Protein backbone atom coordinates (compact mmCIF):
# COMPACT_ATOMS: atom_id res chain seq x y z
CA MET A 1 164.81 81.14 64.98
CA ARG A 2 167.74 82.96 67.08
CA TRP A 3 166.82 82.71 71.23
CA LYS A 4 168.36 86.01 72.85
CA ASN A 5 169.47 86.23 76.40
CA ASP A 6 167.97 89.59 77.72
CA THR A 7 167.44 91.39 81.30
CA ILE A 8 163.33 92.76 80.61
CA HIS A 9 161.24 94.63 83.46
CA GLY A 10 157.14 95.27 83.65
CA TRP A 11 156.59 98.64 83.26
CA GLY A 12 157.01 100.05 87.12
CA ARG A 13 160.43 99.49 86.98
CA ALA A 14 160.43 97.07 90.32
CA GLN A 15 160.98 94.06 89.07
CA SER A 16 162.92 92.48 86.24
CA ALA A 17 163.47 88.79 84.68
CA THR A 18 166.81 88.13 82.81
CA CYS A 19 165.27 85.31 80.26
CA GLU A 20 166.15 83.91 76.38
CA ILE A 21 163.66 85.49 74.47
CA ALA A 22 162.89 85.27 70.62
CA ARG A 23 160.83 87.33 68.59
CA PRO A 24 159.13 85.29 65.45
CA GLU A 25 157.92 87.55 62.63
CA LYS A 26 155.70 85.18 60.65
CA SER A 27 153.53 82.49 61.89
CA SER A 28 155.99 79.87 60.95
CA GLU A 29 158.36 81.37 63.12
CA LEU A 30 156.46 81.08 65.58
CA ALA A 31 155.36 77.35 65.05
CA GLU A 32 159.09 76.54 65.01
CA VAL A 33 159.90 78.14 68.22
CA LEU A 34 157.03 76.08 70.00
CA ALA A 35 157.95 73.08 68.03
CA GLU A 36 160.78 73.08 70.83
CA SER A 37 158.43 73.77 73.70
CA ALA A 38 155.82 75.67 74.67
CA VAL A 39 156.57 79.03 76.79
CA PRO A 40 154.81 82.22 78.13
CA ALA A 41 154.31 85.14 75.23
CA MET A 42 154.12 89.07 76.54
CA GLY A 43 153.80 92.12 74.03
CA ASN A 44 154.84 95.58 74.91
CA ARG A 45 155.37 94.90 78.73
CA ARG A 46 152.82 97.16 79.93
CA SER A 47 151.60 95.24 82.59
CA TYR A 48 153.21 97.15 85.55
CA GLY A 49 154.76 94.02 87.43
CA ASP A 50 155.76 90.69 86.88
CA ALA A 51 152.85 89.31 84.61
CA ALA A 52 154.86 89.16 81.31
CA LEU A 53 158.28 87.99 83.08
CA ASN A 54 159.66 84.67 82.95
CA ASP A 55 163.07 84.95 85.10
CA ASP A 56 165.79 82.20 84.36
CA GLY A 57 163.18 80.93 81.19
CA ARG A 58 162.28 81.88 77.82
CA ALA A 59 159.64 84.17 76.50
CA LEU A 60 157.58 84.82 73.12
CA ASP A 61 158.31 88.64 71.93
CA MET A 62 155.20 88.89 69.82
CA THR A 63 155.24 92.94 68.79
CA ARG A 64 156.94 91.61 64.90
CA LEU A 65 153.37 89.46 64.80
CA ASP A 66 151.25 93.01 63.98
CA LYS A 67 149.59 92.51 60.99
CA PHE A 68 146.07 93.63 60.27
CA LEU A 69 144.47 90.77 58.16
CA ALA A 70 140.36 91.63 57.37
CA PHE A 71 138.13 94.29 58.21
CA ASP A 72 134.18 94.05 56.98
CA ASP A 73 132.49 97.17 57.21
CA GLU A 74 129.31 96.10 57.31
CA THR A 75 130.16 94.03 61.03
CA GLY A 76 132.56 96.14 62.12
CA ILE A 77 134.29 92.98 62.99
CA LEU A 78 138.03 93.71 62.44
CA SER A 79 140.86 90.88 62.44
CA VAL A 80 144.42 91.31 63.43
CA GLU A 81 147.63 89.43 64.85
CA ALA A 82 148.39 89.78 68.54
CA GLY A 83 150.70 91.95 68.44
CA VAL A 84 149.11 95.04 66.87
CA GLU A 85 148.80 97.89 69.62
CA LEU A 86 146.10 99.16 70.54
CA GLY A 87 146.42 102.92 69.32
CA GLU A 88 147.58 102.05 65.51
CA ILE A 89 144.01 100.56 65.60
CA THR A 90 142.80 103.71 66.66
CA ARG A 91 144.97 105.86 64.54
CA LEU A 92 143.48 103.75 61.34
CA PHE A 93 140.57 103.22 62.25
CA ALA A 94 138.53 106.25 63.96
CA PRO A 95 138.85 108.77 61.01
CA ARG A 96 136.82 105.81 59.05
CA GLY A 97 134.17 105.99 62.04
CA TRP A 98 135.20 102.47 64.44
CA LEU A 99 137.26 102.71 67.33
CA PRO A 100 138.48 99.39 69.48
CA PRO A 101 135.24 99.26 71.73
CA VAL A 102 137.45 99.51 74.83
CA LEU A 103 140.72 101.59 75.08
CA PRO A 104 142.98 101.18 78.33
CA GLY A 105 145.21 104.15 79.51
CA THR A 106 147.89 103.06 76.74
CA GLY A 107 147.55 102.88 73.45
CA PHE A 108 151.05 100.32 73.52
CA ALA A 109 148.62 98.03 74.70
CA THR A 110 148.84 94.76 71.83
CA VAL A 111 145.77 93.03 71.29
CA GLY A 112 147.48 89.73 72.78
CA GLY A 113 147.82 91.82 76.16
CA ALA A 114 144.65 93.21 76.13
CA ILE A 115 142.87 89.87 75.81
CA ALA A 116 145.37 88.28 78.42
CA MET A 117 144.18 91.24 80.93
CA ASP A 118 140.61 91.63 79.65
CA VAL A 119 141.13 95.38 80.00
CA HIS A 120 138.81 97.88 81.21
CA GLY A 121 138.09 101.58 79.67
CA LYS A 122 136.70 104.94 80.48
CA ASN A 123 132.88 103.48 79.20
CA HIS A 124 133.23 100.33 81.28
CA HIS A 125 130.05 101.62 82.80
CA HIS A 126 128.42 101.29 79.88
CA ILE A 127 129.69 98.23 77.62
CA GLY A 128 131.83 96.52 79.83
CA SER A 129 135.30 94.76 79.19
CA PHE A 130 137.76 94.53 76.30
CA GLY A 131 137.02 90.03 76.25
CA GLN A 132 133.28 90.67 75.87
CA HIS A 133 133.73 92.17 72.53
CA LEU A 134 135.46 89.84 70.49
CA ALA A 135 134.37 87.30 68.10
CA SER A 136 137.12 85.05 68.30
CA ILE A 137 140.46 84.37 69.35
CA THR A 138 142.90 82.30 67.95
CA LEU A 139 145.29 80.39 69.94
CA LEU A 140 148.29 77.63 69.94
CA ILE A 141 147.75 75.27 72.20
CA ASN A 142 150.12 72.24 72.47
CA GLY A 143 151.39 73.47 68.88
CA LYS A 144 148.01 73.18 67.56
CA SER A 145 145.82 76.09 66.34
CA ARG A 146 142.82 76.20 67.60
CA LYS A 147 139.91 79.25 66.87
CA ILE A 148 137.62 79.62 70.11
CA LYS A 149 134.38 81.81 70.54
CA PRO A 150 132.74 82.51 73.39
CA ASP A 151 129.26 80.45 72.42
CA ARG A 152 130.80 77.56 71.25
CA ASP A 153 134.03 77.06 73.48
CA ALA A 154 132.32 79.20 76.42
CA GLY A 155 134.82 77.22 79.52
CA LEU A 156 138.21 77.91 77.54
CA PHE A 157 136.98 81.37 76.21
CA LYS A 158 136.52 82.49 79.38
CA ALA A 159 140.13 81.13 80.57
CA THR A 160 141.66 83.17 78.11
CA VAL A 161 139.93 86.42 78.26
CA GLY A 162 141.67 87.73 81.38
CA GLY A 163 143.55 84.30 82.41
CA LEU A 164 147.06 85.61 82.22
CA GLY A 165 148.19 83.79 78.89
CA GLN A 166 148.10 80.40 79.93
CA THR A 167 145.38 78.76 78.04
CA GLY A 168 148.26 79.11 75.38
CA ILE A 169 149.68 81.19 72.75
CA ILE A 170 147.63 84.20 71.66
CA VAL A 171 147.95 84.51 68.06
CA ALA A 172 144.98 86.74 66.47
CA ALA A 173 141.34 87.73 67.40
CA GLU A 174 138.38 89.37 65.31
CA ILE A 175 137.12 92.11 67.29
CA ILE A 176 134.10 93.63 66.95
CA MET A 177 134.80 97.42 66.45
CA LEU A 178 132.82 99.89 67.82
CA PRO A 179 131.07 102.92 65.76
CA CYS A 180 131.96 106.75 66.48
CA LYS A 181 131.38 109.95 64.89
CA GLY A 182 134.99 110.84 64.18
CA ASP A 183 138.46 111.15 65.45
CA VAL A 184 138.43 114.09 67.73
CA MET A 185 137.18 114.10 71.30
CA MET A 186 134.73 116.53 73.10
CA VAL A 187 135.47 116.47 77.14
CA THR A 188 134.12 118.31 79.44
CA GLU A 189 136.20 119.00 82.50
CA ARG A 190 134.96 120.05 86.00
CA ARG A 191 136.00 120.52 89.66
CA VAL A 192 135.19 118.12 91.88
CA GLU A 193 135.48 119.25 95.39
CA GLY A 194 135.46 115.68 97.37
CA PHE A 195 134.77 112.12 97.39
CA ASP A 196 131.01 112.24 97.99
CA GLU A 197 130.51 114.38 95.60
CA PHE A 198 132.79 112.30 92.82
CA LEU A 199 130.96 109.28 93.42
CA THR A 200 127.65 111.32 93.27
CA LEU A 201 128.76 112.28 89.76
CA LEU A 202 130.17 109.15 88.36
CA ASP A 203 126.79 107.44 89.22
CA GLY A 204 124.91 110.06 87.29
CA SER A 205 127.15 110.47 84.46
CA GLU A 206 125.53 109.56 81.32
CA ALA A 207 129.06 110.34 78.59
CA THR A 208 129.67 107.70 77.27
CA TYR A 209 133.70 107.88 78.34
CA THR A 210 134.04 109.34 82.33
CA VAL A 211 137.20 109.25 84.19
CA GLY A 212 138.57 111.24 87.15
CA TRP A 213 141.55 112.33 88.46
CA ILE A 214 142.04 112.12 92.48
CA ASP A 215 144.21 114.39 94.25
CA ALA A 216 145.56 111.77 96.39
CA THR A 217 147.25 114.29 98.98
CA ALA A 218 144.36 115.91 99.93
CA LYS A 219 142.91 115.43 103.44
CA GLY A 220 139.60 116.72 105.76
CA SER A 221 136.90 118.16 103.75
CA ALA A 222 139.07 118.02 100.42
CA LEU A 223 139.62 114.33 100.84
CA GLY A 224 139.32 113.00 97.15
CA ARG A 225 138.80 116.56 95.39
CA GLY A 226 139.71 115.91 91.98
CA ILE A 227 138.90 116.54 88.25
CA LEU A 228 136.00 114.94 86.35
CA GLU A 229 136.20 114.47 82.36
CA GLU A 230 133.67 113.25 80.36
CA GLY A 231 134.01 112.49 76.62
CA GLU A 232 132.45 111.94 73.49
CA THR A 233 133.78 111.27 70.39
CA GLY A 234 133.30 113.88 67.29
CA SER A 235 134.04 115.41 63.89
CA GLY A 236 135.85 118.14 62.89
CA LEU A 237 139.10 119.98 62.85
CA VAL A 238 141.63 117.69 64.95
CA PRO A 239 143.96 120.27 67.09
CA SER A 240 147.03 119.72 66.73
CA PRO A 241 148.72 117.37 69.25
CA GLY A 242 151.73 118.85 69.97
CA ARG A 243 155.04 117.01 70.18
CA SER A 244 155.98 114.24 71.89
CA LYS A 245 158.92 114.46 74.75
CA SER A 246 160.34 111.80 76.56
CA VAL A 247 161.99 111.52 79.62
CA PRO A 248 165.87 110.84 78.91
CA PHE A 249 167.07 110.13 82.73
CA ASN A 250 165.87 108.76 85.79
CA ALA A 251 164.61 111.82 87.88
CA PRO A 252 166.01 112.11 91.43
CA LYS A 253 164.32 111.31 94.74
CA PHE A 254 163.44 114.80 95.44
CA ALA A 255 161.34 115.05 92.36
CA LEU A 256 158.37 112.71 93.99
CA SER A 257 158.66 113.83 97.58
CA ALA A 258 155.49 115.09 99.28
CA PRO A 259 156.04 118.39 99.36
CA ILE A 260 156.41 118.45 95.24
CA VAL A 261 153.41 116.06 94.83
CA LYS A 262 151.14 118.37 96.72
CA LEU A 263 152.28 121.78 94.96
CA PHE A 264 151.57 119.34 91.82
CA ASN A 265 148.15 118.45 92.25
CA TRP A 266 147.04 122.18 93.66
CA LEU A 267 147.88 123.50 90.67
CA TYR A 268 146.79 120.34 88.72
CA TYR A 269 143.35 120.76 89.83
CA ARG A 270 143.13 124.99 89.37
CA ARG A 271 144.36 124.53 85.55
CA VAL A 272 140.44 123.59 85.22
CA PRO A 273 138.34 126.48 86.11
CA GLU A 274 135.65 126.63 88.85
CA HIS A 275 132.95 126.69 86.24
CA GLY A 276 134.55 124.11 84.18
CA ARG A 277 135.23 123.91 80.47
CA THR A 278 134.82 121.95 77.28
CA LEU A 279 137.55 121.15 75.00
CA VAL A 280 137.83 119.38 71.66
CA LYS A 281 141.13 117.00 71.80
CA PRO A 282 142.76 114.43 69.54
CA ILE A 283 141.29 111.54 70.33
CA SER A 284 144.83 109.86 71.26
CA ASP A 285 145.09 112.59 73.57
CA PHE A 286 141.99 111.91 75.56
CA PHE A 287 142.58 108.18 76.03
CA PHE A 288 146.39 108.09 76.16
CA PRO A 289 147.52 110.87 77.65
CA LEU A 290 150.95 109.74 79.09
CA ASP A 291 151.90 107.87 75.69
CA LYS A 292 153.16 111.42 74.82
CA ILE A 293 155.73 111.21 77.26
CA HIS A 294 157.99 108.11 75.95
CA GLY A 295 159.40 106.38 79.14
CA TRP A 296 157.51 108.59 81.57
CA ASN A 297 157.91 105.09 84.08
CA ARG A 298 161.67 106.90 84.85
CA LEU A 299 160.05 109.83 86.65
CA TYR A 300 159.97 107.61 89.63
CA GLY A 301 163.79 107.00 89.60
CA LYS A 302 165.74 104.20 88.88
CA ASN A 303 163.62 102.08 91.97
CA GLY A 304 160.93 102.16 89.84
CA PHE A 305 157.32 102.37 91.19
CA HIS A 306 154.38 100.07 92.19
CA GLN A 307 150.96 100.58 91.86
CA PHE A 308 147.93 99.63 93.81
CA GLN A 309 144.71 99.37 91.91
CA CYS A 310 141.32 98.03 93.48
CA VAL A 311 137.67 97.43 92.66
CA VAL A 312 135.05 97.48 95.55
CA PRO A 313 131.19 96.95 95.23
CA ILE A 314 128.85 100.06 95.32
CA ASN A 315 128.01 99.16 98.70
CA SER A 316 131.77 99.31 99.79
CA ALA A 317 132.23 103.08 99.15
CA ALA A 318 132.82 103.89 102.52
CA VAL A 319 135.70 101.43 102.67
CA LEU A 320 137.15 103.11 99.25
CA ARG A 321 137.12 106.17 101.04
CA GLU A 322 138.99 104.44 104.29
CA ILE A 323 141.47 103.16 101.71
CA LEU A 324 141.94 107.10 99.99
CA GLN A 325 142.22 109.19 103.52
CA LEU A 326 145.08 105.96 104.37
CA ILE A 327 146.72 107.53 101.30
CA ALA A 328 146.40 110.60 101.87
CA ASN A 329 147.79 110.43 105.44
CA SER A 330 150.86 108.24 104.21
CA GLY A 331 152.18 110.84 102.48
CA LEU A 332 153.53 108.33 99.56
CA ALA A 333 151.16 109.16 96.74
CA SER A 334 152.26 109.88 93.18
CA PRO A 335 150.40 112.63 91.19
CA LEU A 336 148.85 109.77 89.08
CA ALA A 337 145.55 108.50 90.89
CA VAL A 338 142.16 107.65 88.90
CA LEU A 339 138.76 107.21 90.00
CA LYS A 340 136.49 105.35 87.62
CA ARG A 341 132.56 103.54 87.88
CA MET A 342 132.69 100.43 86.72
CA GLY A 343 129.82 98.24 85.43
CA GLU A 344 129.14 94.53 85.79
CA GLY A 345 130.58 93.66 82.69
CA ARG A 346 133.74 91.34 82.61
CA GLY A 347 134.69 88.73 79.65
CA GLY A 348 136.62 85.67 81.79
CA TYR A 349 137.01 83.97 85.08
CA LEU A 350 139.65 86.09 86.10
CA SER A 351 138.46 89.56 85.04
CA PHE A 352 139.19 92.20 87.44
CA PRO A 353 136.06 94.61 86.19
CA MET A 354 132.77 94.28 88.86
CA GLU A 355 130.26 96.89 89.53
CA GLY A 356 131.50 99.39 91.76
CA TYR A 357 134.38 102.06 92.08
CA THR A 358 138.13 101.39 91.34
CA LEU A 359 140.98 103.44 92.54
CA ALA A 360 144.19 103.29 91.42
CA VAL A 361 147.24 105.41 93.08
CA ASP A 362 150.79 104.84 91.80
CA PHE A 363 153.65 104.96 94.80
CA PRO A 364 157.89 105.44 94.21
CA ASN A 365 158.97 101.77 94.52
CA THR A 366 160.39 102.32 98.63
CA GLU A 367 159.74 100.32 101.86
CA ALA A 368 156.95 102.50 103.26
CA ALA A 369 154.76 101.68 100.47
CA ARG A 370 155.68 97.96 100.34
CA VAL A 371 154.46 98.17 103.78
CA LEU A 372 151.26 100.26 102.56
CA ILE A 373 150.36 98.52 99.68
CA PRO A 374 149.53 95.13 101.26
CA ARG A 375 147.29 96.90 103.96
CA LEU A 376 145.15 98.90 100.96
CA GLU A 377 144.99 94.89 99.73
CA ALA A 378 143.66 93.74 102.84
CA MET A 379 140.88 96.36 103.08
CA ALA A 380 139.57 95.90 99.37
CA VAL A 381 139.24 92.00 99.52
CA GLU A 382 137.54 92.43 103.27
CA ALA A 383 134.86 94.88 101.64
CA GLY A 384 133.99 92.39 99.10
CA GLY A 385 136.71 93.85 96.14
CA ARG A 386 140.11 92.90 94.49
CA ILE A 387 143.20 93.57 92.76
CA TYR A 388 144.25 93.85 88.94
CA PHE A 389 146.77 91.63 88.06
CA ALA A 390 147.99 94.01 85.01
CA LYS A 391 149.00 96.41 87.62
CA ASP A 392 150.00 94.36 91.10
CA SER A 393 153.79 93.53 92.05
CA LEU A 394 153.37 92.77 95.68
CA SER A 395 150.18 90.70 96.30
CA LYS A 396 150.98 87.40 98.01
CA GLY A 397 148.29 85.79 96.28
CA ASP A 398 146.93 84.13 99.37
CA LYS A 399 143.10 85.71 98.73
CA ILE A 400 143.21 85.13 95.55
CA ALA A 401 140.18 82.71 95.89
CA ASP A 402 137.82 85.79 97.90
CA MET A 403 138.47 87.99 95.20
CA TYR A 404 137.63 86.07 92.32
CA PRO A 405 135.10 83.34 92.95
CA ASP A 406 135.44 81.84 89.64
CA TYR A 407 139.26 81.32 89.74
CA SER A 408 138.49 77.40 90.37
CA ASP A 409 137.25 77.40 87.03
CA TRP A 410 140.01 78.70 85.09
CA ARG A 411 142.24 76.87 86.95
CA LYS A 412 140.68 73.45 85.28
CA ALA A 413 140.87 74.88 81.84
CA VAL A 414 144.29 76.19 82.10
CA GLU A 415 145.61 72.62 84.00
CA LYS A 416 143.97 71.22 81.00
CA ALA A 417 145.36 73.13 78.33
CA ASP A 418 148.82 73.56 79.64
CA PRO A 419 148.98 70.38 82.51
CA ASP A 420 153.32 71.23 82.13
CA ARG A 421 152.53 74.35 83.48
CA ASN A 422 155.16 75.98 80.04
CA LEU A 423 153.10 78.84 79.94
CA ALA A 424 153.57 80.13 83.87
CA THR A 425 155.16 83.64 84.46
CA ASP A 426 156.74 85.19 87.88
CA LEU A 427 153.23 86.49 88.45
CA VAL A 428 151.45 83.46 88.08
CA ARG A 429 154.42 81.83 90.60
CA ARG A 430 154.15 84.91 92.72
CA LEU A 431 150.75 84.43 93.55
CA LYS A 432 150.43 80.51 93.55
CA LEU A 433 147.94 80.75 90.56
CA ARG A 434 149.01 77.04 89.44
CA SER A 435 150.93 75.47 92.78
CA ALA A 436 150.26 72.04 93.35
CA GLU A 437 150.49 73.08 97.25
């Protein structure tokens, strides 16, 4: 197996790493690589920061290990290799009446990455996170294959789900699929005039899938205005998804200047009629709206972007309002801002979700944003919340134990599985998650 020197980056493009990468296509090739020494694994690098980077080291690209292994249409259990993309599972199985139980905002996320980050989706308030719907995970630990299950291997399983790939190489998984009505979505959109109304609607929504777009530039009585989308799967005539588009070059700085973003948000808010509307969409358009724009991260220019995503408890909604107000007053936000209601479900020790409200906002990579985001993080932590490792690129890691009460349990399991810390990544080092200090 050849190692190739390459420079890679997270999806936010604000952080990069130069490392040697191997891309095994078969299990035998993977074993051959790991016979030399354990190295971190990565998928399509859809995490925004440095979670999948290993500067001056080595890494495994698992995307060619993408075989569908088995499916039981009675139990709904799908067995796949770690490199399979969630969007591909959706494309193949939705017409058959099955969906991955949890889908994040991009279909390019791999199964291995979804496990390592314990991703959540638009239905978290009902069924929890991705890792809660796994019958098993196959790991390579110290060169040996081990199939772990949530009941039989509870400690190691919880350290693996949301565990940033630190317990071993995720090779395969058995996913408990979710029955669906078909491969289209019935989507109801409505305008929401402000923050308090948004929370009321999110709390009262009975839809299977719910998500809110926020105008993060709005102030005063319009603070927190946006669009609420509620969706249900359905069957019938599939509308044309339209052509995929791409961003061929880095956008100039003025493209995301405050006046342009404010105008765009104003127009986007008004695209939905005052009385709302119901649409039929291809299922991929609802779950993965940005995937049709290949390379959309280039819209932030050559310096890239950072995303701040936090979750705060229900009783800390007032703090979330303060966070949103600070963002609006900064004039730094991009048009990409999302608000969701989360339930209690989480699959692992370091899983992000908690019952409450989660806010995600993108910021161009500027000095002002790098000053603002730590302030937002501090406010979230003080409110009893936490940040999401899949999106973080700026945290110093000094409040991890406060954010994640099961951190010590994760660390014990990880040190046992990988005592030499061969699987540590740039994010793990930046946050000092496995530091001896």
